[in-house]
Amino acid sequence: MAVAVIKSAVPALRSLDDHNAERNKAWTKTLGPSVVLGTPNGIACPHCGAEMIDLGALPFIARTFPPNVTIRCPACDWRGGRVA
């Protein structure tokens, strides 16, 4: 009597890093790199002096008074906020 070997129909799972890399590429292609990666804002980083970028798909303005925008330095990864 022969025994049939049944292969699993469950696909192999991918890693979180692979998933995030694929989704980041899709969002960058859809929205454009300046929206996903940030928009340069002409402000020098207080830590290293490189140009800072505004973060967010749309320039996200926090509901504070005065309103703030989250910013980041792409060179040293310093993060903070600026008044909108």
C-alpha atoms as a PDB file:
ATOM      1  CA  MET A   1       0.000   0.000   0.000  1.00  0.00           C
ATOM      2  CA  ALA A   2       1.483   3.363  -1.056  1.00  0.00           C
ATOM      3  CA  VAL A   3       1.205   6.360   1.209  1.00  0.00           C
ATOM      4  CA  ALA A   4       0.713   9.702  -0.532  1.00  0.00           C
ATOM      5  CA  VAL A   5       2.744  12.621   0.723  1.00  0.00           C
ATOM      6  CA  ILE A   6       0.609  15.719   1.000  1.00  0.00           C
ATOM      7  CA  LYS A   7       2.425  19.037   0.785  1.00  0.00           C
ATOM      8  CA  SER A   8       1.174  21.792   3.009  1.00  0.00           C
ATOM      9  CA  ALA A   9      -0.990  24.345   1.247  1.00  0.00           C
ATOM     10  CA  VAL A  10       0.065  26.994   3.770  1.00  0.00           C
ATOM     11  CA  PRO A  11       2.462  29.479   2.163  1.00  0.00           C
ATOM     12  CA  ALA A  12       5.764  30.256   3.849  1.00  0.00           C
ATOM     13  CA  LEU A  13       5.544  33.241   6.159  1.00  0.00           C
ATOM     14  CA  ARG A  14       7.678  36.279   5.464  1.00  0.00           C
ATOM     15  CA  SER A  15       9.527  38.321   8.024  1.00  0.00           C
ATOM     16  CA  LEU A  16       8.326  41.641   9.391  1.00  0.00           C
ATOM     17  CA  ASP A  17      11.378  43.357   7.857  1.00  0.00           C
ATOM     18  CA  ASP A  18      10.501  41.953   4.398  1.00  0.00           C
ATOM     19  CA  HIS A  19       6.883  43.057   4.775  1.00  0.00           C
ATOM     20  CA  ASN A  20       7.857  46.581   5.897  1.00  0.00           C
ATOM     21  CA  ALA A  21      10.415  46.965   3.086  1.00  0.00           C
ATOM     22  CA  GLU A  22       7.803  45.947   0.493  1.00  0.00           C
ATOM     23  CA  ARG A  23       5.154  48.306   1.908  1.00  0.00           C
ATOM     24  CA  ASN A  24       7.631  51.200   2.151  1.00  0.00           C
ATOM     25  CA  LYS A  25       8.477  50.758  -1.538  1.00  0.00           C
ATOM     26  CA  ALA A  26       4.765  50.730  -2.418  1.00  0.00           C
ATOM     27  CA  TRP A  27       4.024  53.890  -0.404  1.00  0.00           C
ATOM     28  CA  THR A  28       7.079  55.672  -1.824  1.00  0.00           C
ATOM     29  CA  LYS A  29       5.997  54.779  -5.369  1.00  0.00           C
ATOM     30  CA  THR A  30       2.385  55.849  -4.706  1.00  0.00           C
ATOM     31  CA  LEU A  31       2.971  59.086  -2.815  1.00  0.00           C
ATOM     32  CA  GLY A  32       6.428  60.123  -3.976  1.00  0.00           C
ATOM     33  CA  PRO A  33       9.691  60.046  -2.042  1.00  0.00           C
ATOM     34  CA  SER A  34       9.425  63.556  -0.567  1.00  0.00           C
ATOM     35  CA  VAL A  35       6.110  62.706   1.113  1.00  0.00           C
ATOM     36  CA  VAL A  36       7.255  59.380   2.576  1.00  0.00           C
ATOM     37  CA  LEU A  37      10.831  60.282   3.423  1.00  0.00           C
ATOM     38  CA  GLY A  38      10.126  63.832   4.547  1.00  0.00           C
ATOM     39  CA  THR A  39      10.289  67.299   3.077  1.00  0.00           C
ATOM     40  CA  PRO A  40      13.437  69.414   3.529  1.00  0.00           C
ATOM     41  CA  ASN A  41      12.570  72.545   5.513  1.00  0.00           C
ATOM     42  CA  GLY A  42      15.718  74.683   5.419  1.00  0.00           C
ATOM     43  CA  ILE A  43      16.352  74.422   9.179  1.00  0.00           C
ATOM     44  CA  ALA A  44      19.783  73.340  10.461  1.00  0.00           C
ATOM     45  CA  CYS A  45      19.990  70.440  12.903  1.00  0.00           C
ATOM     46  CA  PRO A  46      20.984  71.688  16.369  1.00  0.00           C
ATOM     47  CA  HIS A  47      23.139  68.588  16.828  1.00  0.00           C
ATOM     48  CA  CYS A  48      25.102  68.205  13.559  1.00  0.00           C
ATOM     49  CA  GLY A  49      24.116  71.170  11.347  1.00  0.00           C
ATOM     50  CA  ALA A  50      22.607  69.158   8.453  1.00  0.00           C
ATOM     51  CA  GLU A  51      19.278  70.214   6.910  1.00  0.00           C
ATOM     52  CA  MET A  52      16.258  68.906   8.808  1.00  0.00           C
ATOM     53  CA  ILE A  53      13.124  67.388   7.220  1.00  0.00           C
ATOM     54  CA  ASP A  54       9.437  67.644   8.128  1.00  0.00           C
ATOM     55  CA  LEU A  55       7.915  64.223   8.808  1.00  0.00           C
ATOM     56  CA  GLY A  56       4.489  62.929   7.833  1.00  0.00           C
ATOM     57  CA  ALA A  57       2.506  61.992   4.751  1.00  0.00           C
ATOM     58  CA  LEU A  58       0.987  65.433   4.851  1.00  0.00           C
ATOM     59  CA  PRO A  59       2.743  67.991   6.966  1.00  0.00           C
ATOM     60  CA  PHE A  60       1.150  66.817  10.187  1.00  0.00           C
ATOM     61  CA  ILE A  61       0.487  69.694  12.524  1.00  0.00           C
ATOM     62  CA  ALA A  62      -0.088  68.766  16.156  1.00  0.00           C
ATOM     63  CA  ARG A  63      -3.146  70.220  17.846  1.00  0.00           C
ATOM     64  CA  THR A  64      -1.172  72.352  20.229  1.00  0.00           C
ATOM     65  CA  PHE A  65      -0.819  76.053  20.719  1.00  0.00           C
ATOM     66  CA  PRO A  66       1.241  77.128  18.960  1.00  0.00           C
ATOM     67  CA  PRO A  67       0.857  74.316  16.393  1.00  0.00           C
ATOM     68  CA  ASN A  68       3.958  72.104  15.960  1.00  0.00           C
ATOM     69  CA  VAL A  69       5.360  69.970  13.153  1.00  0.00           C
ATOM     70  CA  THR A  70       7.569  66.931  13.881  1.00  0.00           C
ATOM     71  CA  ILE A  71      11.027  67.233  12.322  1.00  0.00           C
ATOM     72  CA  ARG A  72      14.016  64.896  11.992  1.00  0.00           C
ATOM     73  CA  CYS A  73      17.644  65.093  10.907  1.00  0.00           C
ATOM     74  CA  PRO A  74      18.425  62.465   8.242  1.00  0.00           C
ATOM     75  CA  ALA A  75      22.158  62.654   9.049  1.00  0.00           C
ATOM     76  CA  CYS A  76      22.158  61.983  12.819  1.00  0.00           C
ATOM     77  CA  ASP A  77      18.465  61.033  13.443  1.00  0.00           C
ATOM     78  CA  TRP A  78      17.893  63.882  15.919  1.00  0.00           C
ATOM     79  CA  ARG A  79      14.140  64.434  16.337  1.00  0.00           C
ATOM     80  CA  GLY A  80      12.142  67.338  17.631  1.00  0.00           C
ATOM     81  CA  GLY A  81       9.454  69.804  16.708  1.00  0.00           C
ATOM     82  CA  ARG A  82       9.137  73.217  15.132  1.00  0.00           C
ATOM     83  CA  VAL A  83       6.398  75.800  15.342  1.00  0.00           C
ATOM     84  CA  ALA A  84       4.235  75.580  12.203  1.00  0.00           C
END
